[in-house]
Amino acid sequence: MPHISMANHAKAHGPLISLRLGTRVLIVGSSPMAATEILKTNDRFLSGRCVPKANPYRSQELDRISLVWAPHCTEGWKSLRALCRTELFSAKAIESQASMREKKVAQMELFSAGTDTTTTTIEWAVAELIKNKLMRKVREELEREINKDYIHESNVSQLPYLNACIKETLRLHPPAPFLVPRRAIENCEVMNYTIPKDSQILVNVWATGRDPSAWEDPLLFKPERFLNSSLDLKGHDYEFLPFGSGRRICPGLPMATRQLPMILASLIHCFDWSLENNEDPAELNMTEKFGITLQKEHPLLIVPKKNYNFNGCLLTICIFLIPAFVSLLIFWASGSERER
């Protein structure tokens, strides 16, 4: 897989690698220092977008209507960004929608804001908790801190261990291991190397999240590393950038920081989970599959058992299961179909 191959090349040749793909120069940064110089020091010069050939829109149209794929950070793009920050994803806007999201999570209905990044992150989090036998520890925190039938978003801040589990999942399994490709709008210098104008720029956040110079036991799932830690998801810690950094940071970050722990907490609060056929959690296959998002190659097949916190949730398995928001397949027919 490309993110693993580039991480291995970085170990042999250094954290900043230049490749030529036909006429296009590709630059890949694979260390916290490289990420800092690309996303902070030279953010203004490396803030363009490489638009895929398959995109049906012209660059001029994308500049006008797109936030993620706009080739340039124009005044129109800045206005869209400001609109997202002040209207869509402001604390006030997110808070105003909290009761609606809580109702949908409590009823296990479709979660309209859920995208591939949400579903894959929740699937990885549940898989890691099961494999490392940490589900009970999360449930104990929920029972200790949340003495209610269902969870409100305002409760999420009272769950430091659960939030640490979300962060640790994003460290090991960032949804977009290379983020969204950037483009150099001018020549600039990164780590004493000249980056030519129009180069495509990738930051391998999968590699920075596993960098042994930045993390102790980088390959182990250890949520405790985030307890009493100042590391956050806001793009200021360059060893931990699951949502990017700089002017091209993911605009939905404020929503994600509420949505992910809320969904995971609700799943664990309402149900006891186990692998099918009483399989050994230690043997759970954690192989990745590279795609639009970094998914599990083998979908997680788990069985829910209603526990005493379950307060009339609408347990319709094929709805609860995760085309909607978690991609966990827990019934035989879907599991067999995916395997074929």
C-alpha atoms as a PDB file:
ATOM      1  CA  MET A   1       0.000   0.000   0.000  1.00  0.00           C
ATOM      2  CA  PRO A   2       1.352   3.443  -0.923  1.00  0.00           C
ATOM      3  CA  HIS A   3       1.347   5.009   2.557  1.00  0.00           C
ATOM      4  CA  ILE A   4       3.313   2.047   3.938  1.00  0.00           C
ATOM      5  CA  SER A   5       5.703   1.978   0.959  1.00  0.00           C
ATOM      6  CA  MET A   6       6.409   5.708   1.308  1.00  0.00           C
ATOM      7  CA  ALA A   7       6.963   5.327   5.061  1.00  0.00           C
ATOM      8  CA  ASN A   8       9.506   2.582   4.355  1.00  0.00           C
ATOM      9  CA  HIS A   9      11.237   4.706   1.685  1.00  0.00           C
ATOM     10  CA  ALA A  10      11.438   7.552   4.197  1.00  0.00           C
ATOM     11  CA  LYS A  11      13.252   5.294   6.671  1.00  0.00           C
ATOM     12  CA  ALA A  12      15.856   4.528   4.015  1.00  0.00           C
ATOM     13  CA  HIS A  13      16.135   7.868   2.184  1.00  0.00           C
ATOM     14  CA  GLY A  14      14.934  10.576   4.553  1.00  0.00           C
ATOM     15  CA  PRO A  15      11.624  12.233   5.505  1.00  0.00           C
ATOM     16  CA  LEU A  16      11.243  14.289   2.304  1.00  0.00           C
ATOM     17  CA  ILE A  17      11.103  12.344  -0.957  1.00  0.00           C
ATOM     18  CA  SER A  18      10.766  13.621  -4.529  1.00  0.00           C
ATOM     19  CA  LEU A  19       9.300  11.388  -7.240  1.00  0.00           C
ATOM     20  CA  ARG A  20       8.500  12.052 -10.867  1.00  0.00           C
ATOM     21  CA  LEU A  21       5.215  10.699 -12.192  1.00  0.00           C
ATOM     22  CA  GLY A  22       5.348  11.458 -15.906  1.00  0.00           C
ATOM     23  CA  THR A  23       5.627  15.227 -16.091  1.00  0.00           C
ATOM     24  CA  ARG A  24       4.401  15.806 -12.530  1.00  0.00           C
ATOM     25  CA  VAL A  25       6.792  16.146  -9.573  1.00  0.00           C
ATOM     26  CA  LEU A  26       5.460  14.482  -6.426  1.00  0.00           C
ATOM     27  CA  ILE A  27       6.800  15.470  -3.003  1.00  0.00           C
ATOM     28  CA  VAL A  28       6.032  13.277   0.025  1.00  0.00           C
ATOM     29  CA  GLY A  29       6.741  14.370   3.598  1.00  0.00           C
ATOM     30  CA  SER A  30       6.774  11.580   6.187  1.00  0.00           C
ATOM     31  CA  SER A  31       7.939  13.090   9.473  1.00  0.00           C
ATOM     32  CA  PRO A  32       6.625  15.664  11.958  1.00  0.00           C
ATOM     33  CA  MET A  33       9.384  18.074  10.869  1.00  0.00           C
ATOM     34  CA  ALA A  34       8.478  17.711   7.190  1.00  0.00           C
ATOM     35  CA  ALA A  35       4.796  18.162   8.054  1.00  0.00           C
ATOM     36  CA  THR A  36       5.616  21.332  10.011  1.00  0.00           C
ATOM     37  CA  GLU A  37       7.491  22.896   7.095  1.00  0.00           C
ATOM     38  CA  ILE A  38       4.818  21.938   4.553  1.00  0.00           C
ATOM     39  CA  LEU A  39       1.675  22.733   6.560  1.00  0.00           C
ATOM     40  CA  LYS A  40       2.896  25.610   8.717  1.00  0.00           C
ATOM     41  CA  THR A  41       6.086  27.287   7.512  1.00  0.00           C
ATOM     42  CA  ASN A  42       5.150  27.126   3.809  1.00  0.00           C
ATOM     43  CA  ASP A  43       1.382  26.817   4.139  1.00  0.00           C
ATOM     44  CA  ARG A  44       0.765  29.860   1.916  1.00  0.00           C
ATOM     45  CA  PHE A  45       2.969  28.563  -0.920  1.00  0.00           C
ATOM     46  CA  LEU A  46       1.740  24.954  -0.702  1.00  0.00           C
ATOM     47  CA  SER A  47      -1.979  25.605  -0.320  1.00  0.00           C
ATOM     48  CA  GLY A  48      -3.113  24.882  -3.885  1.00  0.00           C
ATOM     49  CA  ARG A  49      -5.007  21.730  -4.850  1.00  0.00           C
ATOM     50  CA  CYS A  50      -4.183  19.119  -7.477  1.00  0.00           C
ATOM     51  CA  VAL A  51      -7.569  18.481  -9.072  1.00  0.00           C
ATOM     52  CA  PRO A  52      -8.030  14.890 -10.301  1.00  0.00           C
ATOM     53  CA  LYS A  53      -8.519  14.523 -14.065  1.00  0.00           C
ATOM     54  CA  ALA A  54     -11.753  12.647 -13.394  1.00  0.00           C
ATOM     55  CA  ASN A  55     -13.314  15.672 -11.716  1.00  0.00           C
ATOM     56  CA  PRO A  56     -16.208  16.851 -13.929  1.00  0.00           C
ATOM     57  CA  TYR A  57     -15.759  20.520 -13.023  1.00  0.00           C
ATOM     58  CA  ARG A  58     -13.282  23.009 -14.435  1.00  0.00           C
ATOM     59  CA  SER A  59     -10.832  24.768 -12.161  1.00  0.00           C
ATOM     60  CA  GLN A  60     -12.744  28.058 -12.437  1.00  0.00           C
ATOM     61  CA  GLU A  61     -15.969  26.341 -11.322  1.00  0.00           C
ATOM     62  CA  LEU A  62     -14.253  24.603  -8.413  1.00  0.00           C
ATOM     63  CA  ASP A  63     -12.793  27.912  -7.252  1.00  0.00           C
ATOM     64  CA  ARG A  64     -16.349  29.219  -7.070  1.00  0.00           C
ATOM     65  CA  ILE A  65     -18.276  26.287  -5.575  1.00  0.00           C
ATOM     66  CA  SER A  66     -15.859  23.925  -3.793  1.00  0.00           C
ATOM     67  CA  LEU A  67     -14.178  24.202  -0.429  1.00  0.00           C
ATOM     68  CA  VAL A  68     -12.076  21.019  -0.457  1.00  0.00           C
ATOM     69  CA  TRP A  69     -11.128  20.872  -4.157  1.00  0.00           C
ATOM     70  CA  ALA A  70     -10.837  24.560  -5.014  1.00  0.00           C
ATOM     71  CA  PRO A  71      -7.472  24.822  -6.827  1.00  0.00           C
ATOM     72  CA  HIS A  72      -6.693  28.212  -5.242  1.00  0.00           C
ATOM     73  CA  CYS A  73      -7.406  29.929  -1.945  1.00  0.00           C
ATOM     74  CA  THR A  74      -9.337  32.757  -3.604  1.00  0.00           C
ATOM     75  CA  GLU A  75     -11.487  35.382  -1.928  1.00  0.00           C
ATOM     76  CA  GLY A  76     -14.511  33.227  -2.802  1.00  0.00           C
ATOM     77  CA  TRP A  77     -12.886  30.234  -1.122  1.00  0.00           C
ATOM     78  CA  LYS A  78     -12.151  32.337   1.943  1.00  0.00           C
ATOM     79  CA  SER A  79     -15.803  33.379   2.077  1.00  0.00           C
ATOM     80  CA  LEU A  80     -16.938  29.737   1.913  1.00  0.00           C
ATOM     81  CA  ARG A  81     -14.471  28.865   4.632  1.00  0.00           C
ATOM     82  CA  ALA A  82     -15.701  31.699   6.833  1.00  0.00           C
ATOM     83  CA  LEU A  83     -19.293  30.579   6.254  1.00  0.00           C
ATOM     84  CA  CYS A  84     -18.457  27.081   7.443  1.00  0.00           C
ATOM     85  CA  ARG A  85     -16.619  28.387  10.473  1.00  0.00           C
ATOM     86  CA  THR A  86     -19.268  30.887  11.580  1.00  0.00           C
ATOM     87  CA  GLU A  87     -22.529  29.261  10.447  1.00  0.00           C
ATOM     88  CA  LEU A  88     -22.207  25.508   9.832  1.00  0.00           C
ATOM     89  CA  PHE A  89     -19.537  24.373  12.284  1.00  0.00           C
ATOM     90  CA  SER A  90     -19.515  27.118  14.900  1.00  0.00           C
ATOM     91  CA  ALA A  91     -19.987  26.039  18.504  1.00  0.00           C
ATOM     92  CA  LYS A  92     -23.421  27.686  18.514  1.00  0.00           C
ATOM     93  CA  ALA A  93     -24.569  25.933  15.324  1.00  0.00           C
ATOM     94  CA  ILE A  94     -23.323  22.531  16.464  1.00  0.00           C
ATOM     95  CA  GLU A  95     -24.919  22.961  19.889  1.00  0.00           C
ATOM     96  CA  SER A  96     -28.257  23.894  18.315  1.00  0.00           C
ATOM     97  CA  GLN A  97     -28.342  20.561  16.490  1.00  0.00           C
ATOM     98  CA  ALA A  98     -27.264  18.454  19.464  1.00  0.00           C
ATOM     99  CA  SER A  99     -30.727  17.216  20.464  1.00  0.00           C
ATOM    100  CA  MET A 100     -31.449  16.039  16.928  1.00  0.00           C
ATOM    101  CA  ARG A 101     -28.176  14.100  16.715  1.00  0.00           C
ATOM    102  CA  GLU A 102     -28.738  12.576  20.155  1.00  0.00           C
ATOM    103  CA  LYS A 103     -32.185  11.362  19.118  1.00  0.00           C
ATOM    104  CA  LYS A 104     -30.846   9.742  15.973  1.00  0.00           C
ATOM    105  CA  VAL A 105     -28.009   8.044  17.788  1.00  0.00           C
ATOM    106  CA  ALA A 106     -30.330   6.854  20.547  1.00  0.00           C
ATOM    107  CA  GLN A 107     -32.727   5.353  18.002  1.00  0.00           C
ATOM    108  CA  MET A 108     -29.912   3.892  15.914  1.00  0.00           C
ATOM    109  CA  GLU A 109     -31.263   5.485  12.750  1.00  0.00           C
ATOM    110  CA  LEU A 110     -29.361   6.813   9.764  1.00  0.00           C
ATOM    111  CA  PHE A 111     -26.884   9.504  10.777  1.00  0.00           C
ATOM    112  CA  SER A 112     -26.965  11.971   7.915  1.00  0.00           C
ATOM    113  CA  ALA A 113     -23.649  13.612   8.746  1.00  0.00           C
ATOM    114  CA  GLY A 114     -21.859  10.256   8.665  1.00  0.00           C
ATOM    115  CA  THR A 115     -19.362   9.872   5.854  1.00  0.00           C
ATOM    116  CA  ASP A 116     -16.639   7.378   5.035  1.00  0.00           C
ATOM    117  CA  THR A 117     -14.296   9.085   7.486  1.00  0.00           C
ATOM    118  CA  THR A 118     -16.776   8.622  10.339  1.00  0.00           C
ATOM    119  CA  THR A 119     -17.728   5.040   9.553  1.00  0.00           C
ATOM    120  CA  THR A 120     -14.168   3.830   9.099  1.00  0.00           C
ATOM    121  CA  THR A 121     -12.943   5.549  12.275  1.00  0.00           C
ATOM    122  CA  ILE A 122     -15.722   4.003  14.375  1.00  0.00           C
ATOM    123  CA  GLU A 123     -15.073   0.577  12.856  1.00  0.00           C
ATOM    124  CA  TRP A 124     -11.338   0.833  13.613  1.00  0.00           C
ATOM    125  CA  ALA A 125     -12.050   2.074  17.166  1.00  0.00           C
ATOM    126  CA  VAL A 126     -14.393  -0.821  17.958  1.00  0.00           C
ATOM    127  CA  ALA A 127     -11.930  -3.297  16.423  1.00  0.00           C
ATOM    128  CA  GLU A 128      -9.022  -1.960  18.500  1.00  0.00           C
ATOM    129  CA  LEU A 129     -11.058  -1.995  21.708  1.00  0.00           C
ATOM    130  CA  ILE A 130     -12.121  -5.598  21.113  1.00  0.00           C
ATOM    131  CA  LYS A 131      -8.672  -6.802  20.043  1.00  0.00           C
ATOM    132  CA  ASN A 132      -6.938  -5.161  23.002  1.00  0.00           C
ATOM    133  CA  LYS A 133      -9.689  -6.126  25.477  1.00  0.00           C
ATOM    134  CA  LEU A 134     -10.344  -2.522  26.477  1.00  0.00           C
ATOM    135  CA  MET A 135     -14.097  -2.444  25.917  1.00  0.00           C
ATOM    136  CA  ARG A 136     -14.758  -3.157  29.602  1.00  0.00           C
ATOM    137  CA  LYS A 137     -12.555  -0.223  30.658  1.00  0.00           C
ATOM    138  CA  VAL A 138     -14.522   2.164  28.428  1.00  0.00           C
ATOM    139  CA  ARG A 139     -17.824   0.788  29.737  1.00  0.00           C
ATOM    140  CA  GLU A 140     -16.680   1.237  33.343  1.00  0.00           C
ATOM    141  CA  GLU A 141     -15.946   4.899  32.634  1.00  0.00           C
ATOM    142  CA  LEU A 142     -19.390   5.299  31.071  1.00  0.00           C
ATOM    143  CA  GLU A 143     -21.102   3.671  34.058  1.00  0.00           C
ATOM    144  CA  ARG A 144     -19.081   5.778  36.465  1.00  0.00           C
ATOM    145  CA  GLU A 145     -19.576   9.120  34.731  1.00  0.00           C
ATOM    146  CA  ILE A 146     -22.901   8.731  32.873  1.00  0.00           C
ATOM    147  CA  ASN A 147     -25.705   7.477  35.088  1.00  0.00           C
ATOM    148  CA  LYS A 148     -28.387   7.759  32.385  1.00  0.00           C
ATOM    149  CA  ASP A 149     -30.243   5.602  29.888  1.00  0.00           C
ATOM    150  CA  TYR A 150     -28.684   7.391  26.962  1.00  0.00           C
ATOM    151  CA  ILE A 151     -25.857   9.830  26.454  1.00  0.00           C
ATOM    152  CA  HIS A 152     -26.024  13.536  25.679  1.00  0.00           C
ATOM    153  CA  GLU A 153     -23.292  15.298  23.712  1.00  0.00           C
ATOM    154  CA  SER A 154     -22.638  17.455  26.741  1.00  0.00           C
ATOM    155  CA  ASN A 155     -21.528  14.283  28.581  1.00  0.00           C
ATOM    156  CA  VAL A 156     -18.713  13.546  26.134  1.00  0.00           C
ATOM    157  CA  SER A 157     -16.262  15.914  27.817  1.00  0.00           C
ATOM    158  CA  GLN A 158     -16.637  13.848  31.022  1.00  0.00           C
ATOM    159  CA  LEU A 159     -15.155  10.780  29.308  1.00  0.00           C
ATOM    160  CA  PRO A 160     -11.377  11.289  29.066  1.00  0.00           C
ATOM    161  CA  TYR A 161     -10.562   7.633  28.431  1.00  0.00           C
ATOM    162  CA  LEU A 162     -13.119   7.266  25.646  1.00  0.00           C
ATOM    163  CA  ASN A 163     -11.814  10.454  24.014  1.00  0.00           C
ATOM    164  CA  ALA A 164      -8.278   9.100  24.349  1.00  0.00           C
ATOM    165  CA  CYS A 165      -9.434   5.948  22.518  1.00  0.00           C
ATOM    166  CA  ILE A 166     -10.760   8.067  19.648  1.00  0.00           C
ATOM    167  CA  LYS A 167      -7.447   9.939  19.413  1.00  0.00           C
ATOM    168  CA  GLU A 168      -5.409   6.740  19.545  1.00  0.00           C
ATOM    169  CA  THR A 169      -7.567   5.252  16.785  1.00  0.00           C
ATOM    170  CA  LEU A 170      -7.000   8.317  14.600  1.00  0.00           C
ATOM    171  CA  ARG A 171      -3.253   8.159  15.289  1.00  0.00           C
ATOM    172  CA  LEU A 172      -2.944   4.568  14.094  1.00  0.00           C
ATOM    173  CA  HIS A 173      -5.677   4.673  11.448  1.00  0.00           C
ATOM    174  CA  PRO A 174      -6.040   8.186   9.992  1.00  0.00           C
ATOM    175  CA  PRO A 175      -8.995   8.176   7.553  1.00  0.00           C
ATOM    176  CA  ALA A 176      -6.935   9.863   4.820  1.00  0.00           C
ATOM    177  CA  PRO A 177      -3.323   8.688   5.270  1.00  0.00           C
ATOM    178  CA  PHE A 178      -1.970  11.267   2.791  1.00  0.00           C
ATOM    179  CA  LEU A 179      -4.599  13.937   3.590  1.00  0.00           C
ATOM    180  CA  VAL A 180      -5.930  15.656   0.435  1.00  0.00           C
ATOM    181  CA  PRO A 181      -3.087  16.358  -2.033  1.00  0.00           C
ATOM    182  CA  ARG A 182      -1.750  19.906  -2.102  1.00  0.00           C
ATOM    183  CA  ARG A 183      -0.056  21.812  -4.927  1.00  0.00           C
ATOM    184  CA  ALA A 184       2.822  24.291  -4.840  1.00  0.00           C
ATOM    185  CA  ILE A 185       1.536  27.599  -6.196  1.00  0.00           C
ATOM    186  CA  GLU A 186       5.094  29.007  -6.172  1.00  0.00           C
ATOM    187  CA  ASN A 187       8.633  27.711  -5.805  1.00  0.00           C
ATOM    188  CA  CYS A 188       9.559  27.395  -2.150  1.00  0.00           C
ATOM    189  CA  GLU A 189      12.090  25.703   0.118  1.00  0.00           C
ATOM    190  CA  VAL A 190      11.272  22.798   2.438  1.00  0.00           C
ATOM    191  CA  MET A 191      13.987  21.249   4.629  1.00  0.00           C
ATOM    192  CA  ASN A 192      16.634  22.976   2.463  1.00  0.00           C
ATOM    193  CA  TYR A 193      15.228  21.475  -0.761  1.00  0.00           C
ATOM    194  CA  THR A 194      13.592  23.505  -3.506  1.00  0.00           C
ATOM    195  CA  ILE A 195       9.992  22.515  -4.238  1.00  0.00           C
ATOM    196  CA  PRO A 196       9.150  23.443  -7.855  1.00  0.00           C
ATOM    197  CA  LYS A 197       5.966  25.309  -8.679  1.00  0.00           C
ATOM    198  CA  ASP A 198       2.999  22.996  -9.472  1.00  0.00           C
ATOM    199  CA  SER A 199       4.523  20.035  -7.621  1.00  0.00           C
ATOM    200  CA  GLN A 200       1.975  17.771  -5.967  1.00  0.00           C
ATOM    201  CA  ILE A 201       2.490  17.610  -2.199  1.00  0.00           C
ATOM    202  CA  LEU A 202       1.502  14.725   0.068  1.00  0.00           C
ATOM    203  CA  VAL A 203       1.918  14.549   3.840  1.00  0.00           C
ATOM    204  CA  ASN A 204       2.006  10.971   5.098  1.00  0.00           C
ATOM    205  CA  VAL A 205       0.158  11.414   8.393  1.00  0.00           C
ATOM    206  CA  TRP A 206      -0.003   7.618   8.742  1.00  0.00           C
ATOM    207  CA  ALA A 207       3.807   7.683   8.993  1.00  0.00           C
ATOM    208  CA  THR A 208       4.010  10.692  11.338  1.00  0.00           C
ATOM    209  CA  GLY A 209       1.508   9.008  13.658  1.00  0.00           C
ATOM    210  CA  ARG A 210       3.818   5.983  13.906  1.00  0.00           C
ATOM    211  CA  ASP A 211       7.135   7.833  14.014  1.00  0.00           C
ATOM    212  CA  PRO A 212       9.266   6.224  16.786  1.00  0.00           C
ATOM    213  CA  SER A 213      11.040   9.525  17.402  1.00  0.00           C
ATOM    214  CA  ALA A 214       7.714  11.118  18.357  1.00  0.00           C
ATOM    215  CA  TRP A 215       5.832   8.232  19.989  1.00  0.00           C
ATOM    216  CA  GLU A 216       6.712   5.617  22.576  1.00  0.00           C
ATOM    217  CA  ASP A 217       5.682   2.115  21.422  1.00  0.00           C
ATOM    218  CA  PRO A 218       4.241   3.637  18.227  1.00  0.00           C
ATOM    219  CA  LEU A 219       2.696   0.423  16.898  1.00  0.00           C
ATOM    220  CA  LEU A 220       0.753  -0.389  20.072  1.00  0.00           C
ATOM    221  CA  PHE A 221      -2.793   0.781  20.797  1.00  0.00           C
ATOM    222  CA  LYS A 222      -2.276   2.707  24.055  1.00  0.00           C
ATOM    223  CA  PRO A 223      -5.013   5.290  24.706  1.00  0.00           C
ATOM    224  CA  GLU A 224      -3.296   6.177  27.991  1.00  0.00           C
ATOM    225  CA  ARG A 225      -0.718   8.156  26.022  1.00  0.00           C
ATOM    226  CA  PHE A 226      -3.372  10.871  25.487  1.00  0.00           C
ATOM    227  CA  LEU A 227      -4.479  11.112  29.122  1.00  0.00           C
ATOM    228  CA  ASN A 228      -3.115  14.271  30.768  1.00  0.00           C
ATOM    229  CA  SER A 229      -1.612  15.193  27.383  1.00  0.00           C
ATOM    230  CA  SER A 230      -1.908  18.513  25.550  1.00  0.00           C
ATOM    231  CA  LEU A 231      -1.964  16.768  22.150  1.00  0.00           C
ATOM    232  CA  ASP A 232      -5.188  17.535  20.299  1.00  0.00           C
ATOM    233  CA  LEU A 233      -6.762  17.200  16.850  1.00  0.00           C
ATOM    234  CA  LYS A 234      -6.685  20.877  15.895  1.00  0.00           C
ATOM    235  CA  GLY A 235      -3.624  20.776  13.652  1.00  0.00           C
ATOM    236  CA  HIS A 236      -1.061  22.309  16.007  1.00  0.00           C
ATOM    237  CA  ASP A 237       0.782  19.069  16.869  1.00  0.00           C
ATOM    238  CA  TYR A 238       2.556  17.927  13.723  1.00  0.00           C
ATOM    239  CA  GLU A 239       3.110  14.366  14.857  1.00  0.00           C
ATOM    240  CA  PHE A 240      -0.683  13.975  15.080  1.00  0.00           C
ATOM    241  CA  LEU A 241      -2.591  15.384  12.107  1.00  0.00           C
ATOM    242  CA  PRO A 242      -5.574  13.151  11.222  1.00  0.00           C
ATOM    243  CA  PHE A 243      -7.541  16.200  10.025  1.00  0.00           C
ATOM    244  CA  GLY A 244      -4.652  18.114   8.494  1.00  0.00           C
ATOM    245  CA  SER A 245      -3.414  21.571   9.407  1.00  0.00           C
ATOM    246  CA  GLY A 246      -3.143  25.106   8.121  1.00  0.00           C
ATOM    247  CA  ARG A 247      -5.616  26.849   5.844  1.00  0.00           C
ATOM    248  CA  ARG A 248      -6.602  23.518   4.264  1.00  0.00           C
ATOM    249  CA  ILE A 249      -7.453  21.780   7.547  1.00  0.00           C
ATOM    250  CA  CYS A 250     -10.678  19.757   7.431  1.00  0.00           C
ATOM    251  CA  PRO A 251     -13.543  22.258   7.877  1.00  0.00           C
ATOM    252  CA  GLY A 252     -15.712  19.603   9.554  1.00  0.00           C
ATOM    253  CA  LEU A 253     -13.261  19.095  12.427  1.00  0.00           C
ATOM    254  CA  PRO A 254     -15.528  20.726  15.082  1.00  0.00           C
ATOM    255  CA  MET A 255     -18.366  18.377  14.128  1.00  0.00           C
ATOM    256  CA  ALA A 256     -16.104  15.305  14.062  1.00  0.00           C
ATOM    257  CA  THR A 257     -14.793  15.936  17.571  1.00  0.00           C
ATOM    258  CA  ARG A 258     -18.380  15.744  18.848  1.00  0.00           C
ATOM    259  CA  GLN A 259     -19.744  13.104  16.533  1.00  0.00           C
ATOM    260  CA  LEU A 260     -17.069  10.411  16.886  1.00  0.00           C
ATOM    261  CA  PRO A 261     -17.044  10.078  20.701  1.00  0.00           C
ATOM    262  CA  MET A 262     -20.840  10.404  20.821  1.00  0.00           C
ATOM    263  CA  ILE A 263     -21.369   7.497  18.411  1.00  0.00           C
ATOM    264  CA  LEU A 264     -18.732   5.284  20.039  1.00  0.00           C
ATOM    265  CA  ALA A 265     -20.025   6.005  23.548  1.00  0.00           C
ATOM    266  CA  SER A 266     -23.598   5.200  22.518  1.00  0.00           C
ATOM    267  CA  LEU A 267     -22.622   1.919  20.893  1.00  0.00           C
ATOM    268  CA  ILE A 268     -20.786   0.763  24.007  1.00  0.00           C
ATOM    269  CA  HIS A 269     -23.349   2.170  26.451  1.00  0.00           C
ATOM    270  CA  CYS A 270     -26.321   0.371  24.868  1.00  0.00           C
ATOM    271  CA  PHE A 271     -24.779  -2.948  23.874  1.00  0.00           C
ATOM    272  CA  ASP A 272     -22.313  -5.615  24.881  1.00  0.00           C
ATOM    273  CA  TRP A 273     -20.243  -6.593  21.846  1.00  0.00           C
ATOM    274  CA  SER A 274     -18.497  -9.822  20.937  1.00  0.00           C
ATOM    275  CA  LEU A 275     -16.934 -11.447  17.886  1.00  0.00           C
ATOM    276  CA  GLU A 276     -19.032 -14.003  16.077  1.00  0.00           C
ATOM    277  CA  ASN A 277     -18.522 -17.685  16.970  1.00  0.00           C
ATOM    278  CA  ASN A 278     -16.620 -16.638  20.119  1.00  0.00           C
ATOM    279  CA  GLU A 279     -13.478 -15.998  18.121  1.00  0.00           C
ATOM    280  CA  ASP A 280     -10.311 -15.007  19.976  1.00  0.00           C
ATOM    281  CA  PRO A 281     -10.026 -11.170  19.976  1.00  0.00           C
ATOM    282  CA  ALA A 282      -6.241 -11.436  19.817  1.00  0.00           C
ATOM    283  CA  GLU A 283      -6.588 -13.071  16.397  1.00  0.00           C
ATOM    284  CA  LEU A 284      -8.709 -10.269  14.926  1.00  0.00           C
ATOM    285  CA  ASN A 285      -7.326  -9.356  11.484  1.00  0.00           C
ATOM    286  CA  MET A 286      -6.345  -5.670  11.390  1.00  0.00           C
ATOM    287  CA  THR A 287      -5.056  -5.551   7.803  1.00  0.00           C
ATOM    288  CA  GLU A 288      -5.729  -2.252   6.058  1.00  0.00           C
ATOM    289  CA  LYS A 289      -7.233  -1.594   2.637  1.00  0.00           C
ATOM    290  CA  PHE A 290      -6.181   1.615   0.890  1.00  0.00           C
ATOM    291  CA  GLY A 291      -8.959   3.544  -0.809  1.00  0.00           C
ATOM    292  CA  ILE A 292     -10.768   6.862  -0.532  1.00  0.00           C
ATOM    293  CA  THR A 293     -10.436   6.212   3.186  1.00  0.00           C
ATOM    294  CA  LEU A 294      -8.221   3.751   5.053  1.00  0.00           C
ATOM    295  CA  GLN A 295     -10.573   0.835   5.693  1.00  0.00           C
ATOM    296  CA  LYS A 296     -10.287  -2.607   7.239  1.00  0.00           C
ATOM    297  CA  GLU A 297      -9.594  -5.155   4.529  1.00  0.00           C
ATOM    298  CA  HIS A 298     -11.848  -7.622   6.351  1.00  0.00           C
ATOM    299  CA  PRO A 299     -15.070  -5.971   7.570  1.00  0.00           C
ATOM    300  CA  LEU A 300     -15.628  -6.182  11.291  1.00  0.00           C
ATOM    301  CA  LEU A 301     -18.240  -8.829  12.082  1.00  0.00           C
ATOM    302  CA  ILE A 302     -19.523  -8.408  15.635  1.00  0.00           C
ATOM    303  CA  VAL A 303     -22.651  -9.387  17.543  1.00  0.00           C
ATOM    304  CA  PRO A 304     -24.545  -6.954  19.823  1.00  0.00           C
ATOM    305  CA  LYS A 305     -26.278  -8.041  23.002  1.00  0.00           C
ATOM    306  CA  LYS A 306     -28.718  -5.627  24.587  1.00  0.00           C
ATOM    307  CA  ASN A 307     -27.597  -4.574  28.066  1.00  0.00           C
ATOM    308  CA  TYR A 308     -29.402  -2.910  30.955  1.00  0.00           C
ATOM    309  CA  ASN A 309     -28.713   0.597  29.583  1.00  0.00           C
ATOM    310  CA  PHE A 310     -30.722  -0.185  26.478  1.00  0.00           C
ATOM    311  CA  ASN A 311     -33.852   1.960  26.768  1.00  0.00           C
ATOM    312  CA  GLY A 312     -36.085   0.882  23.932  1.00  0.00           C
ATOM    313  CA  CYS A 313     -33.563   1.594  21.178  1.00  0.00           C
ATOM    314  CA  LEU A 314     -34.955   0.558  17.823  1.00  0.00           C
ATOM    315  CA  LEU A 315     -32.890  -2.556  17.376  1.00  0.00           C
ATOM    316  CA  THR A 316     -33.489  -3.331  13.738  1.00  0.00           C
ATOM    317  CA  ILE A 317     -30.189  -5.000  12.987  1.00  0.00           C
ATOM    318  CA  CYS A 318     -29.973  -4.199   9.296  1.00  0.00           C
ATOM    319  CA  ILE A 319     -30.626  -0.500  10.048  1.00  0.00           C
ATOM    320  CA  PHE A 320     -28.367  -0.319  13.086  1.00  0.00           C
ATOM    321  CA  LEU A 321     -25.635  -1.929  11.160  1.00  0.00           C
ATOM    322  CA  ILE A 322     -23.608   0.327   9.612  1.00  0.00           C
ATOM    323  CA  PRO A 323     -24.227   1.302   6.101  1.00  0.00           C
ATOM    324  CA  ALA A 324     -25.614   4.202   8.065  1.00  0.00           C
ATOM    325  CA  PHE A 325     -22.740   5.146  10.267  1.00  0.00           C
ATOM    326  CA  VAL A 326     -20.415   2.480  11.300  1.00  0.00           C
ATOM    327  CA  SER A 327     -19.892  -0.117   8.613  1.00  0.00           C
ATOM    328  CA  LEU A 328     -19.988  -2.968  11.092  1.00  0.00           C
ATOM    329  CA  LEU A 329     -21.672  -5.982   9.505  1.00  0.00           C
ATOM    330  CA  ILE A 330     -23.302  -8.110  12.176  1.00  0.00           C
ATOM    331  CA  PHE A 331     -25.657 -10.334  10.328  1.00  0.00           C
ATOM    332  CA  TRP A 332     -24.766 -13.428   8.343  1.00  0.00           C
ATOM    333  CA  ALA A 333     -26.208 -12.521   4.980  1.00  0.00           C
ATOM    334  CA  SER A 334     -24.293  -9.265   4.632  1.00  0.00           C
ATOM    335  CA  GLY A 335     -21.091 -10.870   5.893  1.00  0.00           C
ATOM    336  CA  SER A 336     -21.314 -13.650   3.331  1.00  0.00           C
ATOM    337  CA  GLU A 337     -22.135 -11.209   0.548  1.00  0.00           C
ATOM    338  CA  ARG A 338     -19.108  -9.031   1.320  1.00  0.00           C
ATOM    339  CA  GLU A 339     -16.822 -12.094   1.372  1.00  0.00           C
ATOM    340  CA  ARG A 340     -18.031 -13.137  -2.099  1.00  0.00           C
END
